């Protein structure tokens, strides 16, 4: 039997306070004591070990040592919920922090602080971008920001924020860009001066099978990177993506969303990288290099 919000809160109150009177609960929820006793009956039928006793020290309570996991969630499910909320709390969400504390009481578990995610820099300047972007996604409001691509080019963007991704050691914002009139993925570290606008939107994130229609195409790259970039190879790629050649250079096989970011990323290796495949990617890099060279002729 699924518990509604009032019934769930009654259980939470009883776990915290051990015993309360029907009148206290009736006053809190602004219902009659008769309604509270009906709730108690519903909880009892749902296998919650709840009881009501009469007399001077009487009241409504739960059997000793009762915790929520005995009737609703398994041990593993509890841990997964707490771990997920703990990760969300690190993205500076007060709501998630409050829920985490309540559920840890319900599950009768000590919170194991197993993860630390810090979005501030070493000078401890707090990063408010996640708060703003998260609120904009939940409230379906446009955001405006300044964006610096991998070539250092600056542009003003107004987007419909749809989802935050954590991919390959970095955070990204998936959104619909008003400037490009298409879906775009922005690296959050390169987003500056972000603010939420008052205008709302209705767009939803495309279904996975529709991603190819919306600039989420995945490109499979084979790259050769010079051994002079060893520090970047091991820092930026997974071991399964790396093959070391006899001459000390590296062959890298990776999959990325094909957009302007990926080509800027390749170019960030300068003379120390060569695109081996696909041919289309090689041609795009050649074209970008030729255009850059013309600026110096």
C-alpha atoms as a PDB file:
ATOM      1  CA  UNK A   1       0.000   0.000   0.000  1.00  0.00           C
ATOM      2  CA  UNK A   2       1.457   3.355  -1.026  1.00  0.00           C
ATOM      3  CA  UNK A   3       1.492   6.023   1.680  1.00  0.00           C
ATOM      4  CA  UNK A   4       0.331   9.544   0.915  1.00  0.00           C
ATOM      5  CA  UNK A   5       2.215  12.588   2.180  1.00  0.00           C
ATOM      6  CA  UNK A   6       0.359  12.920   5.496  1.00  0.00           C
ATOM      7  CA  UNK A   7       0.794   9.266   6.356  1.00  0.00           C
ATOM      8  CA  UNK A   8       4.474   9.385   5.492  1.00  0.00           C
ATOM      9  CA  UNK A   9       4.943  12.477   7.666  1.00  0.00           C
ATOM     10  CA  UNK A  10       3.140  10.803  10.564  1.00  0.00           C
ATOM     11  CA  UNK A  11       5.657   7.948  10.397  1.00  0.00           C
ATOM     12  CA  UNK A  12       8.526  10.446  10.258  1.00  0.00           C
ATOM     13  CA  UNK A  13       7.179  12.318  13.312  1.00  0.00           C
ATOM     14  CA  UNK A  14       6.794   9.098  15.276  1.00  0.00           C
ATOM     15  CA  UNK A  15      10.343   7.988  14.476  1.00  0.00           C
ATOM     16  CA  UNK A  16      11.623  11.353  15.745  1.00  0.00           C
ATOM     17  CA  UNK A  17       9.381  11.789  18.794  1.00  0.00           C
ATOM     18  CA  UNK A  18       8.634   8.136  19.627  1.00  0.00           C
ATOM     19  CA  UNK A  19       5.128   8.972  20.891  1.00  0.00           C
ATOM     20  CA  UNK A  20       2.542  11.722  20.268  1.00  0.00           C
ATOM     21  CA  UNK A  21      -1.160  12.169  20.989  1.00  0.00           C
ATOM     22  CA  UNK A  22      -3.873  12.015  18.368  1.00  0.00           C
ATOM     23  CA  UNK A  23      -4.753  15.617  19.219  1.00  0.00           C
ATOM     24  CA  UNK A  24      -1.197  16.792  18.523  1.00  0.00           C
ATOM     25  CA  UNK A  25      -1.288  15.157  15.108  1.00  0.00           C
ATOM     26  CA  UNK A  26      -4.799  16.458  14.420  1.00  0.00           C
ATOM     27  CA  UNK A  27      -3.725  20.021  15.269  1.00  0.00           C
ATOM     28  CA  UNK A  28      -0.598  19.764  13.105  1.00  0.00           C
ATOM     29  CA  UNK A  29      -2.441  18.509  10.030  1.00  0.00           C
ATOM     30  CA  UNK A  30      -5.618  20.490  10.703  1.00  0.00           C
ATOM     31  CA  UNK A  31      -7.842  17.431  10.640  1.00  0.00           C
ATOM     32  CA  UNK A  32     -10.055  15.726  13.218  1.00  0.00           C
ATOM     33  CA  UNK A  33      -8.768  13.154  15.697  1.00  0.00           C
ATOM     34  CA  UNK A  34     -11.128  10.705  14.002  1.00  0.00           C
ATOM     35  CA  UNK A  35      -9.193  11.238  10.754  1.00  0.00           C
ATOM     36  CA  UNK A  36      -5.904  10.604  12.593  1.00  0.00           C
ATOM     37  CA  UNK A  37      -7.212   7.317  13.975  1.00  0.00           C
ATOM     38  CA  UNK A  38      -8.283   6.328  10.454  1.00  0.00           C
ATOM     39  CA  UNK A  39      -4.741   7.140   9.306  1.00  0.00           C
ATOM     40  CA  UNK A  40      -3.375   4.903  12.060  1.00  0.00           C
ATOM     41  CA  UNK A  41      -5.564   2.097  10.837  1.00  0.00           C
ATOM     42  CA  UNK A  42      -4.347   2.598   7.258  1.00  0.00           C
ATOM     43  CA  UNK A  43      -0.723   2.538   8.432  1.00  0.00           C
ATOM     44  CA  UNK A  44      -1.328  -0.612  10.405  1.00  0.00           C
ATOM     45  CA  UNK A  45      -2.810  -2.325   7.327  1.00  0.00           C
ATOM     46  CA  UNK A  46       0.309  -1.234   5.424  1.00  0.00           C
ATOM     47  CA  UNK A  47       2.390  -3.311   7.894  1.00  0.00           C
ATOM     48  CA  UNK A  48       3.726  -0.282   9.781  1.00  0.00           C
ATOM     49  CA  UNK A  49       4.063  -1.447  13.440  1.00  0.00           C
ATOM     50  CA  UNK A  50       2.073   1.452  14.865  1.00  0.00           C
ATOM     51  CA  UNK A  51       0.004   1.357  18.031  1.00  0.00           C
ATOM     52  CA  UNK A  52      -2.301   3.572  20.107  1.00  0.00           C
ATOM     53  CA  UNK A  53      -2.405   3.306  23.917  1.00  0.00           C
ATOM     54  CA  UNK A  54      -4.769   4.925  26.401  1.00  0.00           C
ATOM     55  CA  UNK A  55      -4.162   6.393  29.827  1.00  0.00           C
ATOM     56  CA  UNK A  56      -1.983   9.081  31.371  1.00  0.00           C
ATOM     57  CA  UNK A  57       1.139   8.177  29.361  1.00  0.00           C
ATOM     58  CA  UNK A  58      -0.777   6.978  26.339  1.00  0.00           C
ATOM     59  CA  UNK A  59      -0.493   8.085  22.769  1.00  0.00           C
ATOM     60  CA  UNK A  60       0.402   6.901  19.309  1.00  0.00           C
ATOM     61  CA  UNK A  61       3.808   5.336  18.710  1.00  0.00           C
ATOM     62  CA  UNK A  62       5.908   2.863  16.774  1.00  0.00           C
ATOM     63  CA  UNK A  63       7.408  -0.347  18.054  1.00  0.00           C
ATOM     64  CA  UNK A  64      10.977   0.094  19.297  1.00  0.00           C
ATOM     65  CA  UNK A  65      13.802  -0.129  16.715  1.00  0.00           C
ATOM     66  CA  UNK A  66      11.378   0.319  13.815  1.00  0.00           C
ATOM     67  CA  UNK A  67      12.992   1.840  10.750  1.00  0.00           C
ATOM     68  CA  UNK A  68      11.516   2.429   7.332  1.00  0.00           C
ATOM     69  CA  UNK A  69      13.523  -0.282   5.590  1.00  0.00           C
ATOM     70  CA  UNK A  70      11.579  -3.077   7.296  1.00  0.00           C
ATOM     71  CA  UNK A  71       8.473  -2.392   5.251  1.00  0.00           C
ATOM     72  CA  UNK A  72       9.319  -0.327   2.196  1.00  0.00           C
ATOM     73  CA  UNK A  73      12.955  -0.315   1.024  1.00  0.00           C
ATOM     74  CA  UNK A  74      15.716  -2.884   0.995  1.00  0.00           C
ATOM     75  CA  UNK A  75      19.143  -2.189   2.534  1.00  0.00           C
ATOM     76  CA  UNK A  76      20.677  -1.687  -0.912  1.00  0.00           C
ATOM     77  CA  UNK A  77      17.861   0.643  -2.005  1.00  0.00           C
ATOM     78  CA  UNK A  78      18.365   2.757   1.119  1.00  0.00           C
ATOM     79  CA  UNK A  79      22.101   3.071   0.460  1.00  0.00           C
ATOM     80  CA  UNK A  80      21.538   3.985  -3.189  1.00  0.00           C
ATOM     81  CA  UNK A  81      19.078   6.737  -2.210  1.00  0.00           C
ATOM     82  CA  UNK A  82      21.411   8.158   0.439  1.00  0.00           C
ATOM     83  CA  UNK A  83      24.437   8.007  -1.865  1.00  0.00           C
ATOM     84  CA  UNK A  84      22.526   9.752  -4.687  1.00  0.00           C
ATOM     85  CA  UNK A  85      21.259  12.483  -2.371  1.00  0.00           C
ATOM     86  CA  UNK A  86      24.747  12.929  -0.949  1.00  0.00           C
ATOM     87  CA  UNK A  87      26.128  13.551  -4.419  1.00  0.00           C
ATOM     88  CA  UNK A  88      23.312  16.024  -5.132  1.00  0.00           C
ATOM     89  CA  UNK A  89      23.975  17.801  -1.826  1.00  0.00           C
ATOM     90  CA  UNK A  90      27.523  18.509  -2.990  1.00  0.00           C
ATOM     91  CA  UNK A  91      26.052  20.581  -5.828  1.00  0.00           C
ATOM     92  CA  UNK A  92      25.026  23.013  -3.086  1.00  0.00           C
ATOM     93  CA  UNK A  93      21.375  21.981  -2.887  1.00  0.00           C
ATOM     94  CA  UNK A  94      19.838  22.826   0.501  1.00  0.00           C
ATOM     95  CA  UNK A  95      16.705  20.837  -0.346  1.00  0.00           C
ATOM     96  CA  UNK A  96      18.758  17.719  -0.983  1.00  0.00           C
ATOM     97  CA  UNK A  97      20.625  18.287   2.285  1.00  0.00           C
ATOM     98  CA  UNK A  98      17.355  18.455   4.243  1.00  0.00           C
ATOM     99  CA  UNK A  99      15.974  15.339   2.540  1.00  0.00           C
ATOM    100  CA  UNK A 100      19.247  13.496   3.181  1.00  0.00           C
ATOM    101  CA  UNK A 101      19.101  14.275   6.894  1.00  0.00           C
ATOM    102  CA  UNK A 102      15.451  13.204   7.161  1.00  0.00           C
ATOM    103  CA  UNK A 103      15.965   9.948   5.299  1.00  0.00           C
ATOM    104  CA  UNK A 104      19.049   9.076   7.317  1.00  0.00           C
ATOM    105  CA  UNK A 105      16.841   9.309  10.417  1.00  0.00           C
ATOM    106  CA  UNK A 106      14.099   7.256   8.791  1.00  0.00           C
ATOM    107  CA  UNK A 107      16.552   4.556   7.749  1.00  0.00           C
ATOM    108  CA  UNK A 108      18.311   4.705  11.120  1.00  0.00           C
ATOM    109  CA  UNK A 109      21.644   5.084   9.340  1.00  0.00           C
ATOM    110  CA  UNK A 110      24.686   7.192  10.022  1.00  0.00           C
ATOM    111  CA  UNK A 111      25.562   9.201   6.929  1.00  0.00           C
ATOM    112  CA  UNK A 112      28.811   7.937   5.417  1.00  0.00           C
ATOM    113  CA  UNK A 113      30.350  10.974   3.743  1.00  0.00           C
ATOM    114  CA  UNK A 114      31.664   8.974   0.797  1.00  0.00           C
ATOM    115  CA  UNK A 115      31.958  11.687  -1.857  1.00  0.00           C
ATOM    116  CA  UNK A 116      33.351  15.199  -2.094  1.00  0.00           C
ATOM    117  CA  UNK A 117      32.669  17.422  -5.080  1.00  0.00           C
ATOM    118  CA  UNK A 118      34.060  20.943  -4.875  1.00  0.00           C
ATOM    119  CA  UNK A 119      33.215  23.501  -7.553  1.00  0.00           C
ATOM    120  CA  UNK A 120      35.250  26.303  -6.011  1.00  0.00           C
ATOM    121  CA  UNK A 121      38.805  27.062  -7.032  1.00  0.00           C
ATOM    122  CA  UNK A 122      41.798  26.822  -4.701  1.00  0.00           C
ATOM    123  CA  UNK A 123      41.159  30.343  -3.434  1.00  0.00           C
ATOM    124  CA  UNK A 124      37.788  29.018  -2.196  1.00  0.00           C
ATOM    125  CA  UNK A 125      35.684  31.370  -4.313  1.00  0.00           C
ATOM    126  CA  UNK A 126      32.226  29.782  -4.442  1.00  0.00           C
ATOM    127  CA  UNK A 127      30.839  28.967  -7.871  1.00  0.00           C
ATOM    128  CA  UNK A 128      27.185  29.995  -8.197  1.00  0.00           C
ATOM    129  CA  UNK A 129      26.773  28.758 -11.756  1.00  0.00           C
ATOM    130  CA  UNK A 130      25.343  25.404 -10.692  1.00  0.00           C
ATOM    131  CA  UNK A 131      22.737  27.005  -8.447  1.00  0.00           C
ATOM    132  CA  UNK A 132      21.574  29.318 -11.229  1.00  0.00           C
ATOM    133  CA  UNK A 133      21.575  26.661 -13.957  1.00  0.00           C
ATOM    134  CA  UNK A 134      19.865  24.081 -11.745  1.00  0.00           C
ATOM    135  CA  UNK A 135      17.111  26.544 -10.804  1.00  0.00           C
ATOM    136  CA  UNK A 136      16.648  27.540 -14.439  1.00  0.00           C
ATOM    137  CA  UNK A 137      16.279  23.903 -15.526  1.00  0.00           C
ATOM    138  CA  UNK A 138      13.770  23.106 -12.774  1.00  0.00           C
ATOM    139  CA  UNK A 139      11.773  26.313 -13.361  1.00  0.00           C
ATOM    140  CA  UNK A 140      12.105  26.125 -17.167  1.00  0.00           C
ATOM    141  CA  UNK A 141      13.528  29.648 -17.459  1.00  0.00           C
ATOM    142  CA  UNK A 142      16.012  30.961 -20.005  1.00  0.00           C
ATOM    143  CA  UNK A 143      19.594  31.648 -18.983  1.00  0.00           C
ATOM    144  CA  UNK A 144      22.040  34.123 -20.443  1.00  0.00           C
ATOM    145  CA  UNK A 145      25.808  33.815 -20.253  1.00  0.00           C
ATOM    146  CA  UNK A 146      29.118  34.598 -21.872  1.00  0.00           C
ATOM    147  CA  UNK A 147      30.829  31.571 -23.409  1.00  0.00           C
ATOM    148  CA  UNK A 148      34.473  31.021 -24.321  1.00  0.00           C
ATOM    149  CA  UNK A 149      35.044  28.163 -26.772  1.00  0.00           C
ATOM    150  CA  UNK A 150      38.211  26.080 -27.025  1.00  0.00           C
ATOM    151  CA  UNK A 151      39.783  28.697 -29.326  1.00  0.00           C
ATOM    152  CA  UNK A 152      39.201  31.398 -26.718  1.00  0.00           C
ATOM    153  CA  UNK A 153      36.497  33.050 -28.832  1.00  0.00           C
ATOM    154  CA  UNK A 154      33.884  34.898 -26.774  1.00  0.00           C
ATOM    155  CA  UNK A 155      30.151  34.977 -27.493  1.00  0.00           C
ATOM    156  CA  UNK A 156      26.925  35.933 -25.723  1.00  0.00           C
ATOM    157  CA  UNK A 157      24.345  33.141 -25.508  1.00  0.00           C
ATOM    158  CA  UNK A 158      20.727  32.880 -24.426  1.00  0.00           C
ATOM    159  CA  UNK A 159      19.664  29.260 -24.052  1.00  0.00           C
ATOM    160  CA  UNK A 160      16.866  27.014 -22.874  1.00  0.00           C
ATOM    161  CA  UNK A 161      18.689  24.879 -20.272  1.00  0.00           C
ATOM    162  CA  UNK A 162      17.585  21.245 -20.402  1.00  0.00           C
ATOM    163  CA  UNK A 163      20.035  19.042 -18.507  1.00  0.00           C
ATOM    164  CA  UNK A 164      23.432  18.971 -16.800  1.00  0.00           C
ATOM    165  CA  UNK A 165      25.814  16.177 -17.797  1.00  0.00           C
ATOM    166  CA  UNK A 166      28.924  14.929 -16.057  1.00  0.00           C
ATOM    167  CA  UNK A 167      31.056  13.360 -18.771  1.00  0.00           C
ATOM    168  CA  UNK A 168      34.755  12.551 -19.008  1.00  0.00           C
ATOM    169  CA  UNK A 169      35.743  14.442 -15.844  1.00  0.00           C
ATOM    170  CA  UNK A 170      33.836  17.619 -16.777  1.00  0.00           C
ATOM    171  CA  UNK A 171      30.372  19.153 -16.380  1.00  0.00           C
ATOM    172  CA  UNK A 172      28.305  20.183 -19.397  1.00  0.00           C
ATOM    173  CA  UNK A 173      25.053  22.028 -19.983  1.00  0.00           C
ATOM    174  CA  UNK A 174      22.752  20.568 -22.642  1.00  0.00           C
ATOM    175  CA  UNK A 175      20.484  23.272 -23.986  1.00  0.00           C
ATOM    176  CA  UNK A 176      18.706  24.800 -26.945  1.00  0.00           C
ATOM    177  CA  UNK A 177      20.727  27.814 -28.103  1.00  0.00           C
ATOM    178  CA  UNK A 178      18.723  30.813 -29.349  1.00  0.00           C
ATOM    179  CA  UNK A 179      21.718  32.137 -31.291  1.00  0.00           C
ATOM    180  CA  UNK A 180      22.357  28.904 -33.225  1.00  0.00           C
ATOM    181  CA  UNK A 181      18.687  27.853 -33.314  1.00  0.00           C
ATOM    182  CA  UNK A 182      19.746  24.322 -32.434  1.00  0.00           C
ATOM    183  CA  UNK A 183      20.705  22.089 -29.524  1.00  0.00           C
ATOM    184  CA  UNK A 184      24.169  22.721 -28.108  1.00  0.00           C
ATOM    185  CA  UNK A 185      26.409  21.293 -25.380  1.00  0.00           C
ATOM    186  CA  UNK A 186      28.375  23.860 -23.357  1.00  0.00           C
ATOM    187  CA  UNK A 187      31.239  23.062 -21.019  1.00  0.00           C
ATOM    188  CA  UNK A 188      30.218  24.688 -17.730  1.00  0.00           C
ATOM    189  CA  UNK A 189      33.801  25.647 -16.838  1.00  0.00           C
ATOM    190  CA  UNK A 190      33.757  27.958 -19.878  1.00  0.00           C
ATOM    191  CA  UNK A 191      30.450  29.615 -18.972  1.00  0.00           C
ATOM    192  CA  UNK A 192      30.867  33.053 -17.374  1.00  0.00           C
ATOM    193  CA  UNK A 193      28.512  35.812 -16.183  1.00  0.00           C
ATOM    194  CA  UNK A 194      25.514  33.494 -16.067  1.00  0.00           C
ATOM    195  CA  UNK A 195      22.101  34.794 -15.018  1.00  0.00           C
ATOM    196  CA  UNK A 196      18.567  33.466 -15.108  1.00  0.00           C
ATOM    197  CA  UNK A 197      16.026  35.408 -17.163  1.00  0.00           C
ATOM    198  CA  UNK A 198      12.321  35.831 -16.414  1.00  0.00           C
ATOM    199  CA  UNK A 199      11.204  34.288 -19.713  1.00  0.00           C
ATOM    200  CA  UNK A 200       9.948  30.691 -19.540  1.00  0.00           C
ATOM    201  CA  UNK A 201      10.115  27.935 -22.157  1.00  0.00           C
ATOM    202  CA  UNK A 202       8.279  24.659 -22.807  1.00  0.00           C
ATOM    203  CA  UNK A 203      10.873  22.660 -24.746  1.00  0.00           C
ATOM    204  CA  UNK A 204      11.846  19.208 -23.469  1.00  0.00           C
ATOM    205  CA  UNK A 205      15.110  17.312 -23.932  1.00  0.00           C
ATOM    206  CA  UNK A 206      14.940  15.209 -27.135  1.00  0.00           C
ATOM    207  CA  UNK A 207      14.500  11.494 -26.725  1.00  0.00           C
ATOM    208  CA  UNK A 208      17.720   9.503 -27.151  1.00  0.00           C
ATOM    209  CA  UNK A 209      16.629   8.132 -30.512  1.00  0.00           C
ATOM    210  CA  UNK A 210      16.130  11.704 -31.765  1.00  0.00           C
ATOM    211  CA  UNK A 211      19.547  12.965 -30.694  1.00  0.00           C
ATOM    212  CA  UNK A 212      21.065  12.580 -34.155  1.00  0.00           C
ATOM    213  CA  UNK A 213      18.556  15.114 -35.481  1.00  0.00           C
ATOM    214  CA  UNK A 214      19.619  17.658 -32.855  1.00  0.00           C
ATOM    215  CA  UNK A 215      23.377  18.002 -33.122  1.00  0.00           C
ATOM    216  CA  UNK A 216      24.164  15.232 -30.651  1.00  0.00           C
ATOM    217  CA  UNK A 217      25.908  13.079 -33.248  1.00  0.00           C
ATOM    218  CA  UNK A 218      28.719  10.993 -31.826  1.00  0.00           C
ATOM    219  CA  UNK A 219      32.025  10.959 -33.681  1.00  0.00           C
ATOM    220  CA  UNK A 220      34.560   8.130 -33.283  1.00  0.00           C
ATOM    221  CA  UNK A 221      38.044   9.596 -33.448  1.00  0.00           C
ATOM    222  CA  UNK A 222      41.411   7.935 -33.871  1.00  0.00           C
ATOM    223  CA  UNK A 223      44.205  10.291 -32.896  1.00  0.00           C
ATOM    224  CA  UNK A 224      47.981  10.129 -32.708  1.00  0.00           C
ATOM    225  CA  UNK A 225      49.416  12.276 -29.925  1.00  0.00           C
ATOM    226  CA  UNK A 226      53.108  12.994 -29.517  1.00  0.00           C
ATOM    227  CA  UNK A 227      54.890  11.708 -26.419  1.00  0.00           C
ATOM    228  CA  UNK A 228      55.615  15.339 -25.481  1.00  0.00           C
ATOM    229  CA  UNK A 229      51.947  15.451 -24.408  1.00  0.00           C
ATOM    230  CA  UNK A 230      52.242  12.398 -22.108  1.00  0.00           C
ATOM    231  CA  UNK A 231      51.017  14.411 -19.118  1.00  0.00           C
ATOM    232  CA  UNK A 232      47.817  15.363 -20.971  1.00  0.00           C
ATOM    233  CA  UNK A 233      47.241  11.897 -22.387  1.00  0.00           C
ATOM    234  CA  UNK A 234      47.132  10.231 -18.976  1.00  0.00           C
ATOM    235  CA  UNK A 235      45.253  13.118 -17.408  1.00  0.00           C
ATOM    236  CA  UNK A 236      42.536  13.477 -20.047  1.00  0.00           C
ATOM    237  CA  UNK A 237      41.931   9.969 -21.431  1.00  0.00           C
ATOM    238  CA  UNK A 238      40.930   6.644 -19.934  1.00  0.00           C
ATOM    239  CA  UNK A 239      43.478   3.806 -20.018  1.00  0.00           C
ATOM    240  CA  UNK A 240      41.221   1.744 -22.290  1.00  0.00           C
ATOM    241  CA  UNK A 241      41.369   4.572 -24.863  1.00  0.00           C
ATOM    242  CA  UNK A 242      45.181   4.685 -24.944  1.00  0.00           C
ATOM    243  CA  UNK A 243      47.634   2.532 -26.910  1.00  0.00           C
ATOM    244  CA  UNK A 244      51.329   3.361 -26.620  1.00  0.00           C
ATOM    245  CA  UNK A 245      53.467   2.967 -29.749  1.00  0.00           C
ATOM    246  CA  UNK A 246      57.046   1.755 -29.838  1.00  0.00           C
ATOM    247  CA  UNK A 247      58.292   5.275 -30.567  1.00  0.00           C
ATOM    248  CA  UNK A 248      56.598   6.555 -27.379  1.00  0.00           C
ATOM    249  CA  UNK A 249      53.727   8.314 -29.132  1.00  0.00           C
ATOM    250  CA  UNK A 250      50.099   7.416 -28.351  1.00  0.00           C
ATOM    251  CA  UNK A 251      47.160   6.191 -30.384  1.00  0.00           C
ATOM    252  CA  UNK A 252      43.891   7.414 -28.841  1.00  0.00           C
ATOM    253  CA  UNK A 253      40.470   6.043 -29.774  1.00  0.00           C
ATOM    254  CA  UNK A 254      37.604   8.070 -28.294  1.00  0.00           C
ATOM    255  CA  UNK A 255      33.955   8.946 -28.880  1.00  0.00           C
ATOM    256  CA  UNK A 256      32.745  12.530 -28.448  1.00  0.00           C
ATOM    257  CA  UNK A 257      29.643  14.522 -29.406  1.00  0.00           C
ATOM    258  CA  UNK A 258      30.563  16.144 -32.699  1.00  0.00           C
ATOM    259  CA  UNK A 259      30.355  19.886 -32.273  1.00  0.00           C
ATOM    260  CA  UNK A 260      32.602  22.920 -32.259  1.00  0.00           C
ATOM    261  CA  UNK A 261      33.996  21.969 -28.854  1.00  0.00           C
ATOM    262  CA  UNK A 262      35.570  18.710 -30.051  1.00  0.00           C
ATOM    263  CA  UNK A 263      37.470  20.393 -32.905  1.00  0.00           C
ATOM    264  CA  UNK A 264      38.654  23.172 -30.603  1.00  0.00           C
ATOM    265  CA  UNK A 265      39.815  20.485 -28.172  1.00  0.00           C
ATOM    266  CA  UNK A 266      41.843  18.715 -30.889  1.00  0.00           C
ATOM    267  CA  UNK A 267      43.421  22.007 -31.929  1.00  0.00           C
ATOM    268  CA  UNK A 268      44.391  22.708 -28.303  1.00  0.00           C
ATOM    269  CA  UNK A 269      47.131  20.047 -28.743  1.00  0.00           C
ATOM    270  CA  UNK A 270      48.710  22.213 -31.456  1.00  0.00           C
ATOM    271  CA  UNK A 271      51.487  20.524 -33.451  1.00  0.00           C
ATOM    272  CA  UNK A 272      51.494  17.478 -31.159  1.00  0.00           C
ATOM    273  CA  UNK A 273      48.366  15.795 -32.519  1.00  0.00           C
ATOM    274  CA  UNK A 274      47.304  14.199 -35.784  1.00  0.00           C
ATOM    275  CA  UNK A 275      43.785  13.053 -36.673  1.00  0.00           C
ATOM    276  CA  UNK A 276      44.009   9.584 -38.242  1.00  0.00           C
ATOM    277  CA  UNK A 277      40.286   9.057 -38.784  1.00  0.00           C
ATOM    278  CA  UNK A 278      37.597   9.728 -39.819  1.00  0.00           C
ATOM    279  CA  UNK A 279      38.527  11.548 -43.029  1.00  0.00           C
ATOM    280  CA  UNK A 280      35.790  14.145 -42.521  1.00  0.00           C
ATOM    281  CA  UNK A 281      37.301  15.166 -39.170  1.00  0.00           C
ATOM    282  CA  UNK A 282      40.774  15.413 -40.757  1.00  0.00           C
ATOM    283  CA  UNK A 283      39.391  17.731 -43.445  1.00  0.00           C
ATOM    284  CA  UNK A 284      37.640  19.947 -40.884  1.00  0.00           C
ATOM    285  CA  UNK A 285      40.867  20.318 -38.887  1.00  0.00           C
ATOM    286  CA  UNK A 286      42.822  21.100 -42.083  1.00  0.00           C
ATOM    287  CA  UNK A 287      40.296  23.781 -43.019  1.00  0.00           C
ATOM    288  CA  UNK A 288      40.471  25.387 -39.581  1.00  0.00           C
ATOM    289  CA  UNK A 289      44.268  25.380 -39.646  1.00  0.00           C
ATOM    290  CA  UNK A 290      44.342  26.927 -43.117  1.00  0.00           C
ATOM    291  CA  UNK A 291      41.963  29.686 -42.054  1.00  0.00           C
ATOM    292  CA  UNK A 292      44.103  30.358 -38.983  1.00  0.00           C
ATOM    293  CA  UNK A 293      47.292  30.431 -41.082  1.00  0.00           C
ATOM    294  CA  UNK A 294      45.794  33.005 -43.464  1.00  0.00           C
ATOM    295  CA  UNK A 295      45.491  35.436 -40.587  1.00  0.00           C
ATOM    296  CA  UNK A 296      49.295  35.443 -40.304  1.00  0.00           C
ATOM    297  CA  UNK A 297      50.133  35.768 -44.001  1.00  0.00           C
END
